[in-house]
Amino acid sequence: AVSGWTAVNRFASVVNDAASSRVLSASDQNKHIRFSNTDVVTVSIPTGIVNSTALFPEYRIEQAGAGKVVFDSGGGTGVTLRSRASLSGTLSQFSVVTLKCVATDTYVLFGDLG
């Protein structure tokens, strides 16, 4: 261990979700959310969900079921979503992606995208 550093598990909470859609909220920040639906799951990113106590929070998303997880930034409602090749969903079952807030209402999606 490095002197003066404390290990912190930022993703201590695992949330299991079998729904076909979810609107992210401030309470989802820094959690690992597992979607087990067999159909496509839509995760919506509303404006203003980053609370003032969080410093650039992350949302870790896992496709635990057969249903691909796709991210919806609201189509011009003030949320900017960036990713490699403009991909906005998971690749396959057991893919894990991270949605990282990099500025107010601006997110980068990275990980096992497809």
Protein backbone atom coordinates (compact mmCIF):
# COMPACT_ATOMS: atom_id res chain seq x y z
CA ALA A 1 0.00 0.00 0.00
CA VAL A 2 1.08 3.54 -0.69
CA SER A 3 1.61 5.62 2.43
CA GLY A 4 -1.17 8.16 2.95
CA TRP A 5 -3.61 6.50 0.52
CA THR A 6 -6.82 4.78 1.51
CA ALA A 7 -8.44 2.21 -0.73
CA VAL A 8 -12.00 3.16 -1.64
CA ASN A 9 -14.46 0.89 -3.41
CA ARG A 10 -16.37 3.43 -5.47
CA PHE A 11 -18.77 0.79 -6.80
CA ALA A 12 -19.67 -0.89 -3.52
CA SER A 13 -23.37 -1.06 -4.35
CA VAL A 14 -24.70 -3.50 -6.93
CA VAL A 15 -28.21 -2.82 -8.20
CA ASN A 16 -30.10 -5.60 -9.99
CA ASP A 17 -32.71 -4.38 -12.47
CA ALA A 18 -34.98 -6.58 -14.62
CA ALA A 19 -36.86 -3.65 -16.19
CA SER A 20 -36.82 -2.77 -19.89
CA SER A 21 -36.03 0.88 -19.17
CA ARG A 22 -34.48 3.04 -16.49
CA VAL A 23 -34.01 6.76 -16.07
CA LEU A 24 -30.71 7.38 -14.29
CA SER A 25 -30.86 9.45 -11.13
CA ALA A 26 -28.43 11.03 -8.69
CA SER A 27 -28.92 8.02 -6.39
CA ASP A 28 -27.49 5.74 -9.11
CA GLN A 29 -24.14 7.54 -9.09
CA ASN A 30 -21.10 5.33 -8.53
CA LYS A 31 -23.16 2.14 -8.54
CA HIS A 32 -22.88 -1.02 -10.62
CA ILE A 33 -26.26 -1.59 -12.27
CA ARG A 34 -26.96 -5.08 -13.70
CA PHE A 35 -29.73 -5.37 -16.28
CA SER A 36 -31.13 -8.90 -16.65
CA ASN A 37 -33.94 -8.31 -19.14
CA THR A 38 -34.09 -10.56 -22.22
CA ASP A 39 -35.25 -7.66 -24.43
CA VAL A 40 -33.48 -4.39 -25.24
CA VAL A 41 -33.07 -2.13 -22.20
CA THR A 42 -33.12 1.65 -22.64
CA VAL A 43 -31.18 3.74 -20.12
CA SER A 44 -32.16 7.42 -20.29
CA ILE A 45 -29.81 10.18 -19.17
CA PRO A 46 -31.76 13.24 -17.99
CA THR A 47 -30.28 16.71 -17.52
CA GLY A 48 -29.14 17.84 -14.11
CA ILE A 49 -28.68 14.49 -12.38
CA VAL A 50 -25.18 15.15 -11.05
CA ASN A 51 -25.51 16.34 -7.48
CA SER A 52 -23.20 19.03 -6.18
CA THR A 53 -21.38 16.69 -3.78
CA ALA A 54 -20.24 14.32 -6.53
CA LEU A 55 -17.08 15.08 -8.45
CA PHE A 56 -17.57 13.70 -11.96
CA PRO A 57 -19.50 10.56 -10.99
CA GLU A 58 -19.68 7.33 -12.95
CA TYR A 59 -22.38 4.80 -13.61
CA ARG A 60 -21.19 1.24 -14.30
CA ILE A 61 -23.67 -0.73 -16.39
CA GLU A 62 -23.68 -4.49 -17.00
CA GLN A 63 -25.73 -6.39 -19.56
CA ALA A 64 -26.42 -9.43 -17.37
CA GLY A 65 -29.27 -10.68 -19.57
CA ALA A 66 -29.70 -11.26 -23.28
CA GLY A 67 -31.15 -7.77 -23.87
CA LYS A 68 -28.71 -5.19 -25.20
CA VAL A 69 -28.46 -2.06 -23.04
CA VAL A 70 -28.75 1.16 -25.07
CA PHE A 71 -28.25 4.70 -23.82
CA ASP A 72 -30.60 7.56 -24.69
CA SER A 73 -29.38 11.11 -24.13
CA GLY A 74 -32.79 12.55 -24.95
CA GLY A 75 -32.07 13.61 -28.51
CA GLY A 76 -31.11 17.24 -28.06
CA THR A 77 -32.55 17.87 -24.61
CA GLY A 78 -29.29 19.27 -23.24
CA VAL A 79 -27.35 16.07 -22.57
CA THR A 80 -24.26 15.32 -24.64
CA LEU A 81 -23.21 11.67 -24.97
CA ARG A 82 -19.85 10.84 -26.54
CA SER A 83 -18.36 7.46 -27.34
CA ARG A 84 -16.02 5.70 -29.74
CA ALA A 85 -17.59 5.59 -33.19
CA SER A 86 -20.80 7.01 -31.68
CA LEU A 87 -21.68 3.58 -30.25
CA SER A 88 -24.43 3.82 -27.63
CA GLY A 89 -25.00 0.30 -26.35
CA THR A 90 -23.43 -2.82 -24.92
CA LEU A 91 -21.89 -5.43 -27.21
CA SER A 92 -23.39 -8.61 -25.76
CA GLN A 93 -24.40 -10.45 -22.62
CA PHE A 94 -21.95 -9.85 -19.75
CA SER A 95 -20.59 -6.67 -21.37
CA VAL A 96 -19.77 -3.91 -18.89
CA VAL A 97 -19.63 -0.23 -19.81
CA THR A 98 -18.99 2.94 -17.84
CA LEU A 99 -20.87 6.20 -18.26
CA LYS A 100 -18.58 8.96 -16.97
CA CYS A 101 -19.72 12.52 -16.32
CA VAL A 102 -16.95 14.83 -17.63
CA ALA A 103 -18.79 18.18 -17.39
CA THR A 104 -22.31 19.40 -16.64
CA ASP A 105 -24.69 17.21 -18.67
CA THR A 106 -21.77 15.83 -20.73
CA TYR A 107 -20.90 12.14 -20.58
CA VAL A 108 -18.42 9.74 -22.14
CA LEU A 109 -19.51 6.13 -22.61
CA PHE A 110 -16.70 3.58 -22.75
CA GLY A 111 -16.10 -0.12 -22.27
CA ASP A 112 -17.48 -3.16 -24.11
CA LEU A 113 -19.57 -1.23 -26.67
CA GLY A 114 -21.18 -2.68 -29.76
